[in-house]
Amino acid sequence: MTSEKPLNSYQATVAIVQNLPYGLRMHLAAHSMSFRRLHNRLKFTIKSLKMQQKREFIDASSGEWTENPNGILSICTDENEKSIDYIFVEKNEEEVEILCSLAPEKSICTEKKDSLRRYFHYFMNTSENAWQHVELEECSKPFGELKNLKIPSLKWTVNKGMEEEPFANFAEMHVFERLELINIHLHWLTEQKVKNAAHLIIRNSEFYYEYEEGNETANMIHFFGSLKNQLVEAEFRLRWPDTFSMGCDVLLKNNLKIGSSYTGIFEKRDSLKTEIAASLLKFCENSEETISKVDGKKHIVLKTTDDYIIAVFENYFGANLHGFKSFTALKIANKL
């Protein structure tokens, strides 16, 4: 009969440290050089990673986009653990100060203006297991030279200076379990990674000011109409009722999954509700106004089958829109 070989003191220490919460490891590393050396040698797993970067600015002399060093990088290794925040502040033209929420009294300075992006890439590369969720705010070209990424869940608030191929860093056959895109260019909706996402969320809080009556609807048909066979939650600031009705038509014809919704947000005007109703009746011949049996909400039914109902609600997600009114087409299970 054999017995387990006893661990020496170093092996025992490593075994203990590897099972400590990452935040505690970071806290101890900030106060002990010897512990920091051990901590840096051991692997860790990141659950979520969030990078917020201020909008880049244009260099007046070259006319090119320049790296803005200001921003915040938040990492979380456990769902129940508070995130660890790294804060990057440009002190002057030559120095960037880096602070950590675990030791706010300490900071380091560097000459590297791309330090925020370097830290982001470091954590992307060194997590032992795949990250479950990555969140980006205002970041252009955030992934740099990283390749074959397979992030299950990505939330991206887009910078208006975005590159043409936003998902070039991802594995060719990668499918997002959840992809949330905020303030995107409409042409992103034709990206294969977007069209393949199992759960796609689109939130555009700004008007497309270049669109006039007619071509707003035509552009939305061209881009939004390409989405099929997914769970889609879409929310757009719109000007014209026919653009909203077109989105409803996509729900009717494109076999989007139950739970999918399309929300149009409009500036309030007295005639808006009448305009929306007339537009829906024009697009959807079988539409009828009725009273919902769920929460007593009044709505317009666009289609009813044995499996689902597609109906339009006013201010479905709440009425606190500060001068705006929303209409939501929702595909819900028919439980009758």
Protein backbone atom coordinates (compact mmCIF):
# COMPACT_ATOMS: atom_id res chain seq x y z
CA MET A 1 0.00 0.00 0.00
CA THR A 2 1.38 3.40 -1.00
CA SER A 3 0.87 6.66 0.77
CA GLU A 4 0.84 10.17 -0.68
CA LYS A 5 4.15 11.96 -0.64
CA PRO A 6 3.95 14.86 1.80
CA LEU A 7 4.16 18.35 0.31
CA ASN A 8 7.16 20.46 1.09
CA SER A 9 6.55 23.94 2.45
CA TYR A 10 6.84 25.63 -0.98
CA GLN A 11 4.42 23.19 -2.63
CA ALA A 12 1.99 23.64 0.24
CA THR A 13 2.20 27.42 -0.08
CA VAL A 14 1.58 27.24 -3.84
CA ALA A 15 -1.43 24.95 -3.33
CA ILE A 16 -2.92 27.42 -0.85
CA VAL A 17 -2.22 30.56 -2.89
CA GLN A 18 -3.69 29.08 -6.08
CA ASN A 19 -7.02 28.64 -4.30
CA LEU A 20 -7.14 32.15 -2.84
CA PRO A 21 -9.54 34.64 -4.47
CA TYR A 22 -7.63 36.66 -7.05
CA GLY A 23 -8.56 39.93 -5.35
CA LEU A 24 -7.01 38.75 -2.09
CA ARG A 25 -3.90 37.63 -3.96
CA MET A 26 -3.62 41.07 -5.55
CA HIS A 27 -4.09 42.78 -2.19
CA LEU A 28 -1.33 40.70 -0.58
CA ALA A 29 0.94 41.21 -3.59
CA ALA A 30 0.56 44.96 -3.26
CA HIS A 31 1.99 44.83 0.26
CA SER A 32 4.61 42.07 0.03
CA MET A 33 7.35 41.78 -2.58
CA SER A 34 7.99 38.08 -1.84
CA PHE A 35 4.28 37.26 -2.17
CA ARG A 36 4.12 39.31 -5.38
CA ARG A 37 6.84 37.16 -6.95
CA LEU A 38 4.87 34.01 -6.14
CA HIS A 39 1.58 35.56 -7.26
CA ASN A 40 3.06 36.58 -10.63
CA ARG A 41 4.21 33.00 -11.31
CA LEU A 42 0.83 31.41 -10.67
CA LYS A 43 -2.05 31.19 -13.11
CA PHE A 44 -5.50 32.68 -12.57
CA THR A 45 -8.89 32.67 -14.26
CA ILE A 46 -10.76 35.83 -15.24
CA LYS A 47 -14.55 35.67 -15.41
CA SER A 48 -15.05 39.14 -16.89
CA LEU A 49 -12.93 41.99 -18.17
CA LYS A 50 -14.07 45.55 -18.88
CA MET A 51 -12.09 48.28 -20.63
CA GLN A 52 -13.33 51.87 -20.71
CA GLN A 53 -11.25 54.23 -22.80
CA LYS A 54 -11.92 57.89 -23.45
CA ARG A 55 -12.54 58.73 -27.09
CA GLU A 56 -9.34 59.09 -29.04
CA PHE A 57 -8.50 62.47 -30.51
CA ILE A 58 -7.14 63.53 -33.88
CA ASP A 59 -3.55 64.72 -34.07
CA ALA A 60 -3.73 68.20 -35.60
CA SER A 61 -0.39 67.85 -37.39
CA SER A 62 -0.90 64.39 -38.93
CA GLY A 63 -4.70 64.20 -39.05
CA GLU A 64 -4.53 60.66 -37.61
CA TRP A 65 -6.20 59.13 -34.57
CA THR A 66 -3.93 59.17 -31.50
CA GLU A 67 -4.01 56.80 -28.52
CA ASN A 68 -5.80 58.39 -25.59
CA PRO A 69 -4.13 57.04 -22.42
CA ASN A 70 -7.03 57.82 -20.06
CA GLY A 71 -9.38 55.05 -19.01
CA ILE A 72 -10.29 52.25 -16.60
CA LEU A 73 -9.66 48.51 -16.77
CA SER A 74 -11.83 46.36 -14.48
CA ILE A 75 -11.23 42.66 -13.92
CA CYS A 76 -13.38 40.17 -12.04
CA THR A 77 -12.33 36.60 -11.28
CA ASP A 78 -15.44 35.60 -9.36
CA GLU A 79 -19.09 36.52 -9.82
CA ASN A 80 -19.39 37.32 -6.11
CA GLU A 81 -16.16 39.28 -5.94
CA LYS A 82 -15.87 43.04 -6.35
CA SER A 83 -13.98 44.04 -9.48
CA ILE A 84 -10.37 45.20 -9.35
CA ASP A 85 -10.00 48.54 -11.12
CA TYR A 86 -6.88 49.90 -12.77
CA ILE A 87 -7.18 53.63 -13.44
CA PHE A 88 -5.02 55.30 -16.10
CA VAL A 89 -4.60 59.08 -15.98
CA GLU A 90 -2.45 61.21 -18.26
CA LYS A 91 -0.48 63.52 -15.96
CA ASN A 92 1.29 65.41 -18.75
CA GLU A 93 2.56 64.85 -22.28
CA GLU A 94 5.26 62.47 -21.05
CA GLU A 95 3.70 60.54 -18.15
CA VAL A 96 0.73 58.28 -17.46
CA GLU A 97 -0.16 57.50 -13.85
CA ILE A 98 -1.56 54.03 -13.05
CA LEU A 99 -3.56 53.42 -9.86
CA CYS A 100 -5.17 50.24 -8.54
CA SER A 101 -8.32 50.09 -6.41
CA LEU A 102 -6.66 47.52 -4.12
CA ALA A 103 -3.95 49.99 -3.11
CA PRO A 104 -5.23 53.49 -3.97
CA GLU A 105 -2.50 55.12 -1.91
CA LYS A 106 0.12 53.77 -4.31
CA SER A 107 0.66 54.53 -7.99
CA ILE A 108 3.22 54.02 -10.71
CA CYS A 109 4.11 56.26 -13.65
CA THR A 110 5.06 55.24 -17.16
CA GLU A 111 5.97 56.93 -20.42
CA LYS A 112 3.91 54.42 -22.43
CA LYS A 113 0.71 56.08 -23.68
CA ASP A 114 -0.74 52.68 -24.64
CA SER A 115 -0.46 51.24 -21.11
CA LEU A 116 -4.22 50.71 -20.78
CA ARG A 117 -4.27 48.59 -23.93
CA ARG A 118 -1.12 46.72 -22.81
CA TYR A 119 -2.74 45.80 -19.48
CA PHE A 120 -5.88 44.68 -21.33
CA HIS A 121 -3.87 42.42 -23.63
CA TYR A 122 -1.89 41.05 -20.68
CA PHE A 123 -5.02 39.86 -18.88
CA MET A 124 -6.53 38.58 -22.14
CA ASN A 125 -3.40 36.47 -22.71
CA THR A 126 -2.70 35.19 -19.19
CA SER A 127 -6.08 33.98 -17.91
CA GLU A 128 -5.85 30.19 -17.51
CA ASN A 129 -9.35 29.62 -18.88
CA ALA A 130 -11.38 31.51 -21.47
CA TRP A 131 -13.00 34.75 -20.29
CA GLN A 132 -16.77 34.47 -19.95
CA HIS A 133 -17.56 38.12 -20.61
CA VAL A 134 -15.70 41.12 -22.03
CA GLU A 135 -17.07 44.65 -22.02
CA LEU A 136 -15.67 47.55 -24.05
CA GLU A 137 -16.56 51.25 -23.96
CA GLU A 138 -15.36 53.75 -26.56
CA CYS A 139 -12.41 51.57 -27.58
CA SER A 140 -11.11 51.60 -31.15
CA LYS A 141 -9.15 48.54 -32.28
CA PRO A 142 -9.10 47.17 -28.70
CA PHE A 143 -7.79 43.70 -29.55
CA GLY A 144 -4.69 44.82 -31.44
CA GLU A 145 -2.75 41.78 -32.71
CA LEU A 146 -4.68 39.19 -30.65
CA LYS A 147 -5.93 36.33 -32.82
CA ASN A 148 -8.50 33.50 -32.76
CA LEU A 149 -10.47 34.97 -29.86
CA LYS A 150 -13.43 32.94 -28.56
CA ILE A 151 -15.24 35.18 -26.09
CA PRO A 152 -18.71 33.76 -25.24
CA SER A 153 -20.23 37.11 -24.24
CA LEU A 154 -19.20 40.55 -25.55
CA LYS A 155 -20.73 43.96 -24.83
CA TRP A 156 -19.33 46.78 -26.97
CA THR A 157 -20.25 50.46 -26.76
CA VAL A 158 -18.79 51.71 -29.99
CA ASN A 159 -16.49 54.61 -30.76
CA LYS A 160 -17.49 56.52 -33.89
CA GLY A 161 -13.96 56.08 -35.23
CA MET A 162 -14.32 52.30 -35.47
CA GLU A 163 -12.46 50.09 -37.92
CA GLU A 164 -14.21 48.46 -40.86
CA GLU A 165 -13.68 44.84 -39.70
CA PRO A 166 -14.56 44.86 -35.99
CA PHE A 167 -14.41 41.08 -35.52
CA ALA A 168 -11.24 40.29 -37.47
CA ASN A 169 -9.51 39.13 -34.25
CA PHE A 170 -12.03 36.35 -33.60
CA ALA A 171 -11.79 32.72 -34.66
CA GLU A 172 -13.34 32.17 -38.08
CA MET A 173 -16.08 29.81 -36.86
CA HIS A 174 -16.66 31.51 -33.48
CA VAL A 175 -20.30 32.03 -32.48
CA PHE A 176 -21.18 34.49 -29.72
CA GLU A 177 -23.58 33.16 -27.11
CA ARG A 178 -24.47 36.78 -26.34
CA LEU A 179 -23.41 39.86 -28.31
CA GLU A 180 -24.52 43.34 -27.22
CA LEU A 181 -23.64 46.26 -29.52
CA ILE A 182 -24.37 49.88 -28.59
CA ASN A 183 -24.36 52.84 -31.01
CA ILE A 184 -23.06 50.76 -33.91
CA HIS A 185 -22.81 51.66 -37.57
CA LEU A 186 -25.62 49.86 -39.36
CA HIS A 187 -23.21 48.06 -41.70
CA TRP A 188 -22.08 46.02 -38.67
CA LEU A 189 -25.38 44.13 -38.97
CA THR A 190 -24.10 42.49 -42.16
CA GLU A 191 -21.05 41.06 -40.33
CA GLN A 192 -21.27 37.26 -40.22
CA LYS A 193 -20.35 37.16 -36.50
CA VAL A 194 -23.31 39.45 -35.80
CA LYS A 195 -25.72 37.44 -37.92
CA ASN A 196 -24.59 34.20 -36.25
CA ALA A 197 -24.81 35.38 -32.62
CA ALA A 198 -27.24 33.21 -30.66
CA HIS A 199 -28.51 36.21 -28.66
CA LEU A 200 -28.02 39.61 -30.30
CA ILE A 201 -28.75 42.91 -28.55
CA ILE A 202 -28.55 46.20 -30.45
CA ARG A 203 -29.06 49.57 -28.77
CA ASN A 204 -28.63 52.75 -30.80
CA SER A 205 -29.45 55.84 -28.76
CA GLU A 206 -28.67 58.37 -31.49
CA PHE A 207 -30.41 59.37 -34.72
CA TYR A 208 -28.80 58.69 -38.06
CA TYR A 209 -28.90 62.36 -39.00
CA GLU A 210 -28.00 61.69 -42.64
CA TYR A 211 -31.26 59.78 -43.14
CA GLU A 212 -34.32 61.47 -44.56
CA GLU A 213 -37.85 60.17 -44.86
CA GLY A 214 -37.79 57.06 -47.03
CA ASN A 215 -34.09 56.26 -47.00
CA GLU A 216 -34.06 55.77 -43.21
CA THR A 217 -36.51 52.92 -43.79
CA ALA A 218 -34.65 51.61 -46.84
CA ASN A 219 -31.34 51.47 -44.97
CA MET A 220 -32.91 49.74 -41.98
CA ILE A 221 -34.49 47.16 -44.29
CA HIS A 222 -31.13 46.52 -45.96
CA PHE A 223 -29.22 46.00 -42.71
CA PHE A 224 -31.68 44.90 -40.00
CA GLY A 225 -33.60 42.74 -42.45
CA SER A 226 -30.58 40.45 -42.87
CA LEU A 227 -30.98 39.04 -39.33
CA LYS A 228 -32.67 35.62 -39.16
CA ASN A 229 -33.13 32.63 -36.84
CA GLN A 230 -31.75 34.35 -33.72
CA LEU A 231 -32.94 35.82 -30.46
CA VAL A 232 -32.74 39.56 -31.22
CA GLU A 233 -33.41 42.57 -29.01
CA ALA A 234 -33.13 45.76 -31.06
CA GLU A 235 -33.62 49.35 -29.94
CA PHE A 236 -33.23 52.30 -32.31
CA ARG A 237 -33.83 56.05 -32.14
CA LEU A 238 -36.03 56.67 -35.18
CA ARG A 239 -37.73 59.55 -36.97
CA TRP A 240 -40.27 57.88 -39.25
CA PRO A 241 -43.11 55.48 -38.29
CA ASP A 242 -42.60 53.38 -41.44
CA THR A 243 -39.08 52.50 -40.24
CA PHE A 244 -40.57 51.04 -37.07
CA SER A 245 -43.20 49.14 -39.04
CA MET A 246 -40.47 47.65 -41.22
CA GLY A 247 -38.77 46.30 -38.09
CA CYS A 248 -42.05 44.70 -37.10
CA ASP A 249 -42.23 43.14 -40.56
CA VAL A 250 -38.80 41.57 -39.95
CA LEU A 251 -40.20 39.96 -36.78
CA LEU A 252 -43.12 38.64 -38.84
CA LYS A 253 -41.12 37.16 -41.71
CA ASN A 254 -37.57 36.36 -40.58
CA ASN A 255 -38.29 33.56 -38.11
CA LEU A 256 -36.66 35.33 -35.16
CA LYS A 257 -36.95 33.39 -31.92
CA ILE A 258 -39.62 33.85 -29.24
CA GLY A 259 -38.50 36.63 -26.91
CA SER A 260 -37.20 38.78 -29.77
CA SER A 261 -38.20 42.44 -29.76
CA TYR A 262 -37.85 45.59 -31.85
CA THR A 263 -38.17 48.98 -30.15
CA GLY A 264 -38.41 52.35 -31.86
CA ILE A 265 -37.85 55.47 -29.75
CA PHE A 266 -39.38 58.69 -31.11
CA GLU A 267 -39.52 62.31 -30.04
CA LYS A 268 -42.95 62.93 -28.54
CA ARG A 269 -45.61 64.58 -30.69
CA ASP A 270 -49.40 64.59 -30.42
CA SER A 271 -50.01 62.64 -33.62
CA LEU A 272 -47.31 59.98 -33.09
CA LYS A 273 -49.54 57.17 -31.80
CA THR A 274 -52.00 57.64 -34.68
CA GLU A 275 -49.14 57.67 -37.20
CA ILE A 276 -47.68 54.45 -35.78
CA ALA A 277 -51.06 52.68 -35.84
CA ALA A 278 -51.72 53.75 -39.44
CA SER A 279 -48.26 52.65 -40.55
CA LEU A 280 -48.65 49.24 -38.88
CA LEU A 281 -52.02 48.68 -40.52
CA LYS A 282 -50.44 49.53 -43.88
CA PHE A 283 -47.53 47.09 -43.41
CA CYS A 284 -49.43 44.32 -41.66
CA GLU A 285 -52.87 43.62 -43.15
CA ASN A 286 -54.14 41.46 -40.27
CA SER A 287 -53.31 43.97 -37.53
CA GLU A 288 -55.97 44.65 -34.94
CA GLU A 289 -56.11 46.71 -31.75
CA THR A 290 -56.93 44.69 -28.66
CA ILE A 291 -56.46 44.51 -24.90
CA SER A 292 -53.63 42.34 -23.62
CA LYS A 293 -54.52 39.55 -21.24
CA VAL A 294 -51.07 40.08 -19.66
CA ASP A 295 -50.91 43.04 -17.26
CA GLY A 296 -53.90 44.59 -19.01
CA LYS A 297 -51.69 46.41 -21.51
CA LYS A 298 -53.32 47.71 -24.67
CA HIS A 299 -51.56 46.65 -27.83
CA ILE A 300 -51.85 46.00 -31.56
CA VAL A 301 -51.70 42.33 -32.56
CA LEU A 302 -49.71 41.77 -35.76
CA LYS A 303 -49.84 37.98 -35.94
CA THR A 304 -51.16 35.05 -33.92
CA THR A 305 -50.21 31.39 -34.35
CA ASP A 306 -50.57 28.32 -32.15
CA ASP A 307 -47.02 28.91 -30.89
CA TYR A 308 -46.56 32.67 -30.63
CA ILE A 309 -48.07 36.15 -30.78
CA ILE A 310 -46.42 39.24 -32.26
CA ALA A 311 -47.82 42.43 -30.76
CA VAL A 312 -46.87 46.10 -30.44
CA PHE A 313 -46.90 47.86 -27.06
CA GLU A 314 -46.49 51.50 -26.16
CA ASN A 315 -43.73 52.26 -23.61
CA TYR A 316 -43.37 48.53 -22.89
CA PHE A 317 -40.10 48.99 -21.00
CA GLY A 318 -41.28 52.06 -19.06
CA ALA A 319 -42.42 55.59 -19.78
CA ASN A 320 -39.52 57.56 -18.25
CA LEU A 321 -37.89 58.60 -21.54
CA HIS A 322 -37.58 62.37 -20.95
CA GLY A 323 -39.41 63.76 -23.98
CA PHE A 324 -39.46 60.53 -25.99
CA LYS A 325 -41.96 57.74 -26.51
CA SER A 326 -41.21 54.12 -27.37
CA PHE A 327 -43.10 51.44 -29.26
CA THR A 328 -42.02 47.80 -28.95
CA ALA A 329 -42.93 44.86 -31.16
CA LEU A 330 -42.53 41.69 -29.12
CA LYS A 331 -42.68 38.03 -30.13
CA ILE A 332 -44.11 36.15 -27.16
CA ALA A 333 -45.19 32.55 -26.56
CA ASN A 334 -48.90 31.85 -27.07
CA LYS A 335 -49.89 30.16 -23.82
CA LEU A 336 -53.63 30.16 -24.49
